[in-house]
Amino acid sequence: MSFKEHTRGEIAKNYIINYLLSRDYEVLQEGTSQGLIDLVGVNRETGRVYFIDCKSLSRRVDGTRVNRILKPAQKDLQDKVGIPFIIAYADSETGSVEIPKLGV
């Protein structure tokens, strides 16, 4: 991963953190840059816990969005502990955030 890609990813993660905090989530970050889980989000109102994989929004040459899937190890962990994994997208240029499975 190049420095530019890593920087875009960190910017995207920060947008996602701020987005969740503004929607009454407690947010815990992982301590490494290569872990299975980027963030743990806890909804303060409902107590629901989510593992969150942060992605910088990417588009193909034709402008269509690149959708990501969970890694097999993420699916295995989700199945073992019963905490859903969610992929969150942030556009590192505009700051827009989409977290489809949270409905936000």
PDB file of N, CA and C in Angstrom:
ATOM      1  N   MET A   1       0.849  -1.179   0.000  1.00  0.00           N
ATOM      2  CA  MET A   1       0.000   0.000   0.000  1.00  0.00           C
ATOM      3  C   MET A   1       0.891   1.238   0.000  1.00  0.00           C
ATOM      4  N   SER A   2       0.593   2.167  -0.869  1.00  0.00           N
ATOM      5  CA  SER A   2       1.398   3.372  -0.946  1.00  0.00           C
ATOM      6  C   SER A   2       1.030   4.344   0.163  1.00  0.00           C
ATOM      7  N   PHE A   3       1.908   5.316   0.374  1.00  0.00           N
ATOM      8  CA  PHE A   3       1.650   6.341   1.387  1.00  0.00           C
ATOM      9  C   PHE A   3       0.344   7.062   1.093  1.00  0.00           C
ATOM     10  N   LYS A   4       0.109   7.383  -0.195  1.00  0.00           N
ATOM     11  CA  LYS A   4      -1.105   8.096  -0.584  1.00  0.00           C
ATOM     12  C   LYS A   4      -2.350   7.282  -0.241  1.00  0.00           C
ATOM     13  N   GLU A   5      -2.331   5.976  -0.543  1.00  0.00           N
ATOM     14  CA  GLU A   5      -3.479   5.117  -0.239  1.00  0.00           C
ATOM     15  C   GLU A   5      -3.700   5.014   1.259  1.00  0.00           C
ATOM     16  N   HIS A   6      -2.603   4.869   2.017  1.00  0.00           N
ATOM     17  CA  HIS A   6      -2.713   4.771   3.474  1.00  0.00           C
ATOM     18  C   HIS A   6      -3.303   6.062   4.044  1.00  0.00           C
ATOM     19  N   THR A   7      -2.845   7.199   3.536  1.00  0.00           N
ATOM     20  CA  THR A   7      -3.347   8.490   4.007  1.00  0.00           C
ATOM     21  C   THR A   7      -4.828   8.634   3.705  1.00  0.00           C
ATOM     22  N   ARG A   8      -5.249   8.255   2.500  1.00  0.00           N
ATOM     23  CA  ARG A   8      -6.675   8.309   2.143  1.00  0.00           C
ATOM     24  C   ARG A   8      -7.491   7.440   3.093  1.00  0.00           C
ATOM     25  N   GLY A   9      -6.967   6.263   3.413  1.00  0.00           N
ATOM     26  CA  GLY A   9      -7.672   5.361   4.324  1.00  0.00           C
ATOM     27  C   GLY A   9      -7.806   5.940   5.725  1.00  0.00           C
ATOM     28  N   GLU A  10      -6.769   6.585   6.216  1.00  0.00           N
ATOM     29  CA  GLU A  10      -6.826   7.193   7.547  1.00  0.00           C
ATOM     30  C   GLU A  10      -7.792   8.370   7.583  1.00  0.00           C
ATOM     31  N   ILE A  11      -7.796   9.154   6.522  1.00  0.00           N
ATOM     32  CA  ILE A  11      -8.745  10.272   6.436  1.00  0.00           C
ATOM     33  C   ILE A  11     -10.170   9.729   6.428  1.00  0.00           C
ATOM     34  N   ALA A  12     -10.402   8.690   5.631  1.00  0.00           N
ATOM     35  CA  ALA A  12     -11.736   8.076   5.567  1.00  0.00           C
ATOM     36  C   ALA A  12     -12.149   7.549   6.938  1.00  0.00           C
ATOM     37  N   LYS A  13     -11.225   6.893   7.634  1.00  0.00           N
ATOM     38  CA  LYS A  13     -11.550   6.355   8.962  1.00  0.00           C
ATOM     39  C   LYS A  13     -11.932   7.478   9.923  1.00  0.00           C
ATOM     40  N   ASN A  14     -11.228   8.599   9.865  1.00  0.00           N
ATOM     41  CA  ASN A  14     -11.556   9.724  10.742  1.00  0.00           C
ATOM     42  C   ASN A  14     -12.930  10.301  10.436  1.00  0.00           C
ATOM     43  N   TYR A  15     -13.285  10.379   9.159  1.00  0.00           N
ATOM     44  CA  TYR A  15     -14.636  10.828   8.799  1.00  0.00           C
ATOM     45  C   TYR A  15     -15.686   9.871   9.375  1.00  0.00           C
ATOM     46  N   ILE A  16     -15.431   8.580   9.283  1.00  0.00           N
ATOM     47  CA  ILE A  16     -16.381   7.587   9.793  1.00  0.00           C
ATOM     48  C   ILE A  16     -16.505   7.696  11.313  1.00  0.00           C
ATOM     49  N   ILE A  17     -15.395   7.869  12.004  1.00  0.00           N
ATOM     50  CA  ILE A  17     -15.434   8.031  13.469  1.00  0.00           C
ATOM     51  C   ILE A  17     -16.293   9.236  13.841  1.00  0.00           C
ATOM     52  N   ASN A  18     -16.036  10.371  13.211  1.00  0.00           N
ATOM     53  CA  ASN A  18     -16.801  11.586  13.519  1.00  0.00           C
ATOM     54  C   ASN A  18     -18.280  11.407  13.213  1.00  0.00           C
ATOM     55  N   TYR A  19     -18.565  10.725  12.126  1.00  0.00           N
ATOM     56  CA  TYR A  19     -19.949  10.455  11.733  1.00  0.00           C
ATOM     57  C   TYR A  19     -20.666   9.631  12.809  1.00  0.00           C
ATOM     58  N   LEU A  20     -20.013   8.567  13.266  1.00  0.00           N
ATOM     59  CA  LEU A  20     -20.622   7.715  14.292  1.00  0.00           C
ATOM     60  C   LEU A  20     -20.787   8.460  15.615  1.00  0.00           C
ATOM     61  N   LEU A  21     -19.780   9.218  16.007  1.00  0.00           N
ATOM     62  CA  LEU A  21     -19.868   9.976  17.250  1.00  0.00           C
ATOM     63  C   LEU A  21     -21.031  10.962  17.220  1.00  0.00           C
ATOM     64  N   SER A  22     -21.265  11.566  16.056  1.00  0.00           N
ATOM     65  CA  SER A  22     -22.357  12.532  15.939  1.00  0.00           C
ATOM     66  C   SER A  22     -23.730  11.864  15.959  1.00  0.00           C
ATOM     67  N   ARG A  23     -23.756  10.536  15.831  1.00  0.00           N
ATOM     68  CA  ARG A  23     -25.015   9.785  15.847  1.00  0.00           C
ATOM     69  C   ARG A  23     -25.137   8.908  17.088  1.00  0.00           C
ATOM     70  N   ASP A  24     -24.520   9.356  18.174  1.00  0.00           N
ATOM     71  CA  ASP A  24     -24.650   8.740  19.499  1.00  0.00           C
ATOM     72  C   ASP A  24     -24.070   7.329  19.590  1.00  0.00           C
ATOM     73  N   TYR A  25     -22.926   7.111  18.922  1.00  0.00           N
ATOM     74  CA  TYR A  25     -22.186   5.859  19.046  1.00  0.00           C
ATOM     75  C   TYR A  25     -20.930   6.096  19.863  1.00  0.00           C
ATOM     76  N   GLU A  26     -20.601   5.156  20.687  1.00  0.00           N
ATOM     77  CA  GLU A  26     -19.293   5.095  21.322  1.00  0.00           C
ATOM     78  C   GLU A  26     -18.395   4.384  20.322  1.00  0.00           C
ATOM     79  N   VAL A  27     -17.198   4.891  20.100  1.00  0.00           N
ATOM     80  CA  VAL A  27     -16.328   4.328  19.073  1.00  0.00           C
ATOM     81  C   VAL A  27     -14.976   3.957  19.678  1.00  0.00           C
ATOM     82  N   LEU A  28     -14.577   2.721  19.461  1.00  0.00           N
ATOM     83  CA  LEU A  28     -13.278   2.228  19.916  1.00  0.00           C
ATOM     84  C   LEU A  28     -12.448   1.891  18.696  1.00  0.00           C
ATOM     85  N   GLN A  29     -11.168   2.297  18.708  1.00  0.00           N
ATOM     86  CA  GLN A  29     -10.285   2.045  17.569  1.00  0.00           C
ATOM     87  C   GLN A  29      -9.329   0.909  17.864  1.00  0.00           C
ATOM     88  N   GLU A  30      -8.933   0.207  16.810  1.00  0.00           N
ATOM     89  CA  GLU A  30      -7.912  -0.812  16.948  1.00  0.00           C
ATOM     90  C   GLU A  30      -6.555  -0.139  17.031  1.00  0.00           C
ATOM     91  N   GLY A  31      -5.562  -0.861  17.516  1.00  0.00           N
ATOM     92  CA  GLY A  31      -4.257  -0.271  17.740  1.00  0.00           C
ATOM     93  C   GLY A  31      -3.245  -0.483  16.633  1.00  0.00           C
ATOM     94  N   THR A  32      -3.591  -1.278  15.625  1.00  0.00           N
ATOM     95  CA  THR A  32      -2.663  -1.515  14.521  1.00  0.00           C
ATOM     96  C   THR A  32      -3.337  -1.120  13.222  1.00  0.00           C
ATOM     97  N   SER A  33      -2.582  -1.045  12.174  1.00  0.00           N
ATOM     98  CA  SER A  33      -3.188  -0.686  10.895  1.00  0.00           C
ATOM     99  C   SER A  33      -3.540  -1.905  10.050  1.00  0.00           C
ATOM    100  N   GLN A  34      -3.283  -3.102  10.560  1.00  0.00           N
ATOM    101  CA  GLN A  34      -3.520  -4.303   9.766  1.00  0.00           C
ATOM    102  C   GLN A  34      -4.462  -5.298  10.437  1.00  0.00           C
ATOM    103  N   GLY A  35      -5.209  -4.858  11.437  1.00  0.00           N
ATOM    104  CA  GLY A  35      -6.108  -5.769  12.138  1.00  0.00           C
ATOM    105  C   GLY A  35      -7.353  -6.099  11.338  1.00  0.00           C
ATOM    106  N   LEU A  36      -8.097  -7.084  11.812  1.00  0.00           N
ATOM    107  CA  LEU A  36      -9.359  -7.463  11.165  1.00  0.00           C
ATOM    108  C   LEU A  36     -10.443  -6.418  11.379  1.00  0.00           C
ATOM    109  N   ILE A  37     -10.360  -5.703  12.503  1.00  0.00           N
ATOM    110  CA  ILE A  37     -11.398  -4.750  12.887  1.00  0.00           C
ATOM    111  C   ILE A  37     -10.782  -3.361  12.931  1.00  0.00           C
ATOM    112  N   ASP A  38     -11.382  -2.415  12.212  1.00  0.00           N
ATOM    113  CA  ASP A  38     -10.906  -1.037  12.275  1.00  0.00           C
ATOM    114  C   ASP A  38     -11.494  -0.310  13.476  1.00  0.00           C
ATOM    115  N   LEU A  39     -12.800  -0.488  13.675  1.00  0.00           N
ATOM    116  CA  LEU A  39     -13.497   0.190  14.767  1.00  0.00           C
ATOM    117  C   LEU A  39     -14.504  -0.755  15.398  1.00  0.00           C
ATOM    118  N   VAL A  40     -14.830  -0.482  16.650  1.00  0.00           N
ATOM    119  CA  VAL A  40     -15.965  -1.111  17.303  1.00  0.00           C
ATOM    120  C   VAL A  40     -16.925   0.024  17.631  1.00  0.00           C
ATOM    121  N   GLY A  41     -18.137  -0.088  17.150  1.00  0.00           N
ATOM    122  CA  GLY A  41     -19.147   0.931  17.415  1.00  0.00           C
ATOM    123  C   GLY A  41     -20.215   0.372  18.332  1.00  0.00           C
ATOM    124  N   VAL A  42     -20.555   1.145  19.366  1.00  0.00           N
ATOM    125  CA  VAL A  42     -21.596   0.751  20.314  1.00  0.00           C
ATOM    126  C   VAL A  42     -22.654   1.845  20.322  1.00  0.00           C
ATOM    127  N   ASN A  43     -23.873   1.475  19.962  1.00  0.00           N
ATOM    128  CA  ASN A  43     -24.964   2.435  19.978  1.00  0.00           C
ATOM    129  C   ASN A  43     -25.351   2.691  21.429  1.00  0.00           C
ATOM    130  N   ARG A  44     -25.228   3.925  21.872  1.00  0.00           N
ATOM    131  CA  ARG A  44     -25.488   4.260  23.282  1.00  0.00           C
ATOM    132  C   ARG A  44     -26.946   4.063  23.670  1.00  0.00           C
ATOM    133  N   GLU A  45     -27.839   4.206  22.711  1.00  0.00           N
ATOM    134  CA  GLU A  45     -29.264   4.071  23.007  1.00  0.00           C
ATOM    135  C   GLU A  45     -29.687   2.607  23.102  1.00  0.00           C
ATOM    136  N   THR A  46     -29.248   1.787  22.146  1.00  0.00           N
ATOM    137  CA  THR A  46     -29.712   0.397  22.083  1.00  0.00           C
ATOM    138  C   THR A  46     -28.730  -0.603  22.676  1.00  0.00           C
ATOM    139  N   GLY A  47     -27.456  -0.204  22.795  1.00  0.00           N
ATOM    140  CA  GLY A  47     -26.435  -1.128  23.277  1.00  0.00           C
ATOM    141  C   GLY A  47     -25.909  -2.081  22.215  1.00  0.00           C
ATOM    142  N   ARG A  48     -26.413  -1.963  20.985  1.00  0.00           N
ATOM    143  CA  ARG A  48     -25.927  -2.832  19.895  1.00  0.00           C
ATOM    144  C   ARG A  48     -24.461  -2.558  19.614  1.00  0.00           C
ATOM    145  N   VAL A  49     -23.730  -3.643  19.376  1.00  0.00           N
ATOM    146  CA  VAL A  49     -22.296  -3.559  19.100  1.00  0.00           C
ATOM    147  C   VAL A  49     -22.053  -3.995  17.661  1.00  0.00           C
ATOM    148  N   TYR A  50     -21.160  -3.280  16.973  1.00  0.00           N
ATOM    149  CA  TYR A  50     -20.809  -3.583  15.589  1.00  0.00           C
ATOM    150  C   TYR A  50     -19.297  -3.546  15.422  1.00  0.00           C
ATOM    151  N   PHE A  51     -18.772  -4.490  14.651  1.00  0.00           N
ATOM    152  CA  PHE A  51     -17.397  -4.402  14.173  1.00  0.00           C
ATOM    153  C   PHE A  51     -17.479  -3.633  12.857  1.00  0.00           C
ATOM    154  N   ILE A  52     -16.580  -2.666  12.673  1.00  0.00           N
ATOM    155  CA  ILE A  52     -16.653  -1.821  11.486  1.00  0.00           C
ATOM    156  C   ILE A  52     -15.342  -1.880  10.719  1.00  0.00           C
ATOM    157  N   ASP A  53     -15.461  -2.157   9.428  1.00  0.00           N
ATOM    158  CA  ASP A  53     -14.331  -2.152   8.509  1.00  0.00           C
ATOM    159  C   ASP A  53     -14.442  -0.870   7.688  1.00  0.00           C
ATOM    160  N   CYS A  54     -13.489   0.040   7.840  1.00  0.00           N
ATOM    161  CA  CYS A  54     -13.527   1.342   7.167  1.00  0.00           C
ATOM    162  C   CYS A  54     -12.873   1.254   5.795  1.00  0.00           C
ATOM    163  N   LYS A  55     -13.543   1.826   4.815  1.00  0.00           N
ATOM    164  CA  LYS A  55     -13.022   1.842   3.450  1.00  0.00           C
ATOM    165  C   LYS A  55     -13.138   3.241   2.877  1.00  0.00           C
ATOM    166  N   SER A  56     -12.102   3.657   2.166  1.00  0.00           N
ATOM    167  CA  SER A  56     -12.162   4.891   1.404  1.00  0.00           C
ATOM    168  C   SER A  56     -12.948   4.595   0.139  1.00  0.00           C
ATOM    169  N   LEU A  57     -13.928   5.417  -0.153  1.00  0.00           N
ATOM    170  CA  LEU A  57     -14.774   5.206  -1.321  1.00  0.00           C
ATOM    171  C   LEU A  57     -13.935   5.275  -2.592  1.00  0.00           C
ATOM    172  N   SER A  58     -14.064   4.262  -3.417  1.00  0.00           N
ATOM    173  CA  SER A  58     -13.340   4.208  -4.686  1.00  0.00           C
ATOM    174  C   SER A  58     -14.341   4.097  -5.824  1.00  0.00           C
ATOM    175  N   ARG A  59     -13.951   4.655  -6.943  1.00  0.00           N
ATOM    176  CA  ARG A  59     -14.796   4.580  -8.141  1.00  0.00           C
ATOM    177  C   ARG A  59     -13.973   4.073  -9.317  1.00  0.00           C
ATOM    178  N   ARG A  60     -14.659   3.344 -10.196  1.00  0.00           N
ATOM    179  CA  ARG A  60     -14.026   2.875 -11.423  1.00  0.00           C
ATOM    180  C   ARG A  60     -13.913   4.030 -12.416  1.00  0.00           C
ATOM    181  N   VAL A  61     -13.229   3.790 -13.506  1.00  0.00           N
ATOM    182  CA  VAL A  61     -13.048   4.808 -14.539  1.00  0.00           C
ATOM    183  C   VAL A  61     -14.402   5.308 -15.043  1.00  0.00           C
ATOM    184  N   ASP A  62     -15.392   4.403 -15.128  1.00  0.00           N
ATOM    185  CA  ASP A  62     -16.707   4.813 -15.634  1.00  0.00           C
ATOM    186  C   ASP A  62     -17.553   5.517 -14.566  1.00  0.00           C
ATOM    187  N   GLY A  63     -16.997   5.685 -13.353  1.00  0.00           N
ATOM    188  CA  GLY A  63     -17.700   6.404 -12.295  1.00  0.00           C
ATOM    189  C   GLY A  63     -18.499   5.533 -11.346  1.00  0.00           C
ATOM    190  N   THR A  64     -18.649   4.244 -11.660  1.00  0.00           N
ATOM    191  CA  THR A  64     -19.402   3.377 -10.755  1.00  0.00           C
ATOM    192  C   THR A  64     -18.584   3.085  -9.512  1.00  0.00           C
ATOM    193  N   ARG A  65     -19.283   2.869  -8.438  1.00  0.00           N
ATOM    194  CA  ARG A  65     -18.668   2.656  -7.137  1.00  0.00           C
ATOM    195  C   ARG A  65     -18.116   1.242  -7.002  1.00  0.00           C
ATOM    196  N   VAL A  66     -16.973   1.117  -6.342  1.00  0.00           N
ATOM    197  CA  VAL A  66     -16.392  -0.187  -6.043  1.00  0.00           C
ATOM    198  C   VAL A  66     -16.915  -0.613  -4.674  1.00  0.00           C
ATOM    199  N   ASN A  67     -17.683  -1.693  -4.641  1.00  0.00           N
ATOM    200  CA  ASN A  67     -18.190  -2.224  -3.375  1.00  0.00           C
ATOM    201  C   ASN A  67     -17.241  -3.292  -2.864  1.00  0.00           C
ATOM    202  N   ARG A  68     -17.021  -3.301  -1.586  1.00  0.00           N
ATOM    203  CA  ARG A  68     -16.104  -4.250  -0.955  1.00  0.00           C
ATOM    204  C   ARG A  68     -16.900  -5.364  -0.291  1.00  0.00           C
ATOM    205  N   ILE A  69     -16.216  -6.464  -0.031  1.00  0.00           N
ATOM    206  CA  ILE A  69     -16.826  -7.578   0.707  1.00  0.00           C
ATOM    207  C   ILE A  69     -15.957  -7.884   1.914  1.00  0.00           C
ATOM    208  N   LEU A  70     -16.545  -8.576   2.873  1.00  0.00           N
ATOM    209  CA  LEU A  70     -15.786  -8.962   4.055  1.00  0.00           C
ATOM    210  C   LEU A  70     -14.756 -10.026   3.709  1.00  0.00           C
ATOM    211  N   LYS A  71     -13.645  -9.987   4.407  1.00  0.00           N
ATOM    212  CA  LYS A  71     -12.617 -11.009   4.266  1.00  0.00           C
ATOM    213  C   LYS A  71     -13.114 -12.281   4.955  1.00  0.00           C
ATOM    214  N   PRO A  72     -12.660 -13.455   4.515  1.00  0.00           N
ATOM    215  CA  PRO A  72     -13.082 -14.697   5.166  1.00  0.00           C
ATOM    216  C   PRO A  72     -12.824 -14.701   6.671  1.00  0.00           C
ATOM    217  N   ALA A  73     -11.711 -14.155   7.112  1.00  0.00           N
ATOM    218  CA  ALA A  73     -11.416 -14.128   8.550  1.00  0.00           C
ATOM    219  C   ALA A  73     -12.409 -13.237   9.303  1.00  0.00           C
ATOM    220  N   GLN A  74     -12.880 -12.166   8.653  1.00  0.00           N
ATOM    221  CA  GLN A  74     -13.890 -11.307   9.275  1.00  0.00           C
ATOM    222  C   GLN A  74     -15.220 -12.049   9.408  1.00  0.00           C
ATOM    223  N   LYS A  75     -15.587 -12.786   8.355  1.00  0.00           N
ATOM    224  CA  LYS A  75     -16.822 -13.580   8.412  1.00  0.00           C
ATOM    225  C   LYS A  75     -16.734 -14.636   9.511  1.00  0.00           C
ATOM    226  N   ASP A  76     -15.587 -15.287   9.630  1.00  0.00           N
ATOM    227  CA  ASP A  76     -15.397 -16.301  10.671  1.00  0.00           C
ATOM    228  C   ASP A  76     -15.550 -15.699  12.058  1.00  0.00           C
ATOM    229  N   LEU A  77     -14.924 -14.547  12.283  1.00  0.00           N
ATOM    230  CA  LEU A  77     -15.019 -13.886  13.588  1.00  0.00           C
ATOM    231  C   LEU A  77     -16.457 -13.475  13.877  1.00  0.00           C
ATOM    232  N   GLN A  78     -17.132 -12.938  12.890  1.00  0.00           N
ATOM    233  CA  GLN A  78     -18.532 -12.549  13.042  1.00  0.00           C
ATOM    234  C   GLN A  78     -19.380 -13.751  13.464  1.00  0.00           C
ATOM    235  N   ASP A  79     -19.162 -14.888  12.824  1.00  0.00           N
ATOM    236  CA  ASP A  79     -19.917 -16.090  13.148  1.00  0.00           C
ATOM    237  C   ASP A  79     -19.597 -16.609  14.549  1.00  0.00           C
ATOM    238  N   LYS A  80     -18.331 -16.519  14.953  1.00  0.00           N
ATOM    239  CA  LYS A  80     -17.924 -17.034  16.267  1.00  0.00           C
ATOM    240  C   LYS A  80     -18.467 -16.209  17.420  1.00  0.00           C
ATOM    241  N   VAL A  81     -18.426 -14.884  17.282  1.00  0.00           N
ATOM    242  CA  VAL A  81     -18.814 -14.043  18.420  1.00  0.00           C
ATOM    243  C   VAL A  81     -20.210 -13.452  18.301  1.00  0.00           C
ATOM    244  N   GLY A  82     -20.801 -13.548  17.112  1.00  0.00           N
ATOM    245  CA  GLY A  82     -22.170 -13.064  16.939  1.00  0.00           C
ATOM    246  C   GLY A  82     -22.305 -11.551  16.861  1.00  0.00           C
ATOM    247  N   ILE A  83     -21.200 -10.861  16.596  1.00  0.00           N
ATOM    248  CA  ILE A  83     -21.246  -9.407  16.431  1.00  0.00           C
ATOM    249  C   ILE A  83     -21.136  -9.114  14.939  1.00  0.00           C
ATOM    250  N   PRO A  84     -22.098  -8.369  14.392  1.00  0.00           N
ATOM    251  CA  PRO A  84     -22.079  -8.132  12.952  1.00  0.00           C
ATOM    252  C   PRO A  84     -20.923  -7.232  12.509  1.00  0.00           C
ATOM    253  N   PHE A  85     -20.339  -7.579  11.377  1.00  0.00           N
ATOM    254  CA  PHE A  85     -19.343  -6.754  10.712  1.00  0.00           C
ATOM    255  C   PHE A  85     -20.068  -5.864   9.720  1.00  0.00           C
ATOM    256  N   ILE A  86     -19.668  -4.618   9.677  1.00  0.00           N
ATOM    257  CA  ILE A  86     -20.260  -3.665   8.753  1.00  0.00           C
ATOM    258  C   ILE A  86     -19.141  -2.972   7.996  1.00  0.00           C
ATOM    259  N   ILE A  87     -19.325  -2.812   6.711  1.00  0.00           N
ATOM    260  CA  ILE A  87     -18.366  -2.048   5.922  1.00  0.00           C
ATOM    261  C   ILE A  87     -18.887  -0.621   5.808  1.00  0.00           C
ATOM    262  N   ALA A  88     -18.052   0.318   6.241  1.00  0.00           N
ATOM    263  CA  ALA A  88     -18.395   1.738   6.183  1.00  0.00           C
ATOM    264  C   ALA A  88     -17.523   2.405   5.126  1.00  0.00           C
ATOM    265  N   TYR A  89     -18.134   3.263   4.341  1.00  0.00           N
ATOM    266  CA  TYR A  89     -17.433   3.956   3.266  1.00  0.00           C
ATOM    267  C   TYR A  89     -17.379   5.448   3.559  1.00  0.00           C
ATOM    268  N   ALA A  90     -16.233   6.060   3.277  1.00  0.00           N
ATOM    269  CA  ALA A  90     -16.122   7.515   3.364  1.00  0.00           C
ATOM    270  C   ALA A  90     -15.353   8.009   2.145  1.00  0.00           C
ATOM    271  N   ASP A  91     -15.819   9.100   1.605  1.00  0.00           N
ATOM    272  CA  ASP A  91     -15.126   9.742   0.494  1.00  0.00           C
ATOM    273  C   ASP A  91     -14.111  10.697   1.110  1.00  0.00           C
ATOM    274  N   SER A  92     -12.831  10.388   0.954  1.00  0.00           N
ATOM    275  CA  SER A  92     -11.792  11.189   1.602  1.00  0.00           C
ATOM    276  C   SER A  92     -11.676  12.588   1.010  1.00  0.00           C
ATOM    277  N   GLU A  93     -12.303  12.839  -0.118  1.00  0.00           N
ATOM    278  CA  GLU A  93     -12.258  14.175  -0.715  1.00  0.00           C
ATOM    279  C   GLU A  93     -13.433  15.044  -0.286  1.00  0.00           C
ATOM    280  N   THR A  94     -14.618  14.458  -0.167  1.00  0.00           N
ATOM    281  CA  THR A  94     -15.808  15.255   0.165  1.00  0.00           C
ATOM    282  C   THR A  94     -16.233  15.120   1.623  1.00  0.00           C
ATOM    283  N   GLY A  95     -15.795  14.040   2.281  1.00  0.00           N
ATOM    284  CA  GLY A  95     -16.195  13.807   3.666  1.00  0.00           C
ATOM    285  C   GLY A  95     -17.521  13.093   3.814  1.00  0.00           C
ATOM    286  N   SER A  96     -18.160  12.725   2.705  1.00  0.00           N
ATOM    287  CA  SER A  96     -19.438  12.023   2.811  1.00  0.00           C
ATOM    288  C   SER A  96     -19.203  10.597   3.317  1.00  0.00           C
ATOM    289  N   VAL A  97     -20.139  10.119   4.130  1.00  0.00           N
ATOM    290  CA  VAL A  97     -20.025   8.805   4.760  1.00  0.00           C
ATOM    291  C   VAL A  97     -21.284   8.006   4.481  1.00  0.00           C
ATOM    292  N   GLU A  98     -21.099   6.718   4.166  1.00  0.00           N
ATOM    293  CA  GLU A  98     -22.214   5.793   3.984  1.00  0.00           C
ATOM    294  C   GLU A  98     -21.936   4.548   4.794  1.00  0.00           C
ATOM    295  N   ILE A  99     -22.913   4.162   5.614  1.00  0.00           N
ATOM    296  CA  ILE A  99     -22.818   2.919   6.368  1.00  0.00           C
ATOM    297  C   ILE A  99     -24.140   2.186   6.134  1.00  0.00           C
ATOM    298  N   PRO A 100     -24.234   1.504   4.984  1.00  0.00           N
ATOM    299  CA  PRO A 100     -25.527   0.953   4.555  1.00  0.00           C
ATOM    300  C   PRO A 100     -26.218   0.045   5.561  1.00  0.00           C
ATOM    301  N   LYS A 101     -25.497  -0.865   6.199  1.00  0.00           N
ATOM    302  CA  LYS A 101     -26.166  -1.828   7.076  1.00  0.00           C
ATOM    303  C   LYS A 101     -26.592  -1.223   8.397  1.00  0.00           C
ATOM    304  N   LEU A 102     -26.095  -0.034   8.732  1.00  0.00           N
ATOM    305  CA  LEU A 102     -26.583   0.668   9.919  1.00  0.00           C
ATOM    306  C   LEU A 102     -27.803   1.496   9.573  1.00  0.00           C
ATOM    307  N   GLY A 103     -28.025   1.677   8.278  1.00  0.00           N
ATOM    308  CA  GLY A 103     -29.135   2.505   7.850  1.00  0.00           C
ATOM    309  C   GLY A 103     -28.833   3.980   8.020  1.00  0.00           C
ATOM    310  N   VAL A 104     -27.540   4.333   8.092  1.00  0.00           N
ATOM    311  CA  VAL A 104     -27.174   5.742   8.240  1.00  0.00           C
ATOM    312  C   VAL A 104     -26.180   6.139   7.172  1.00  0.00           C
TER     313      VAL A 104
END
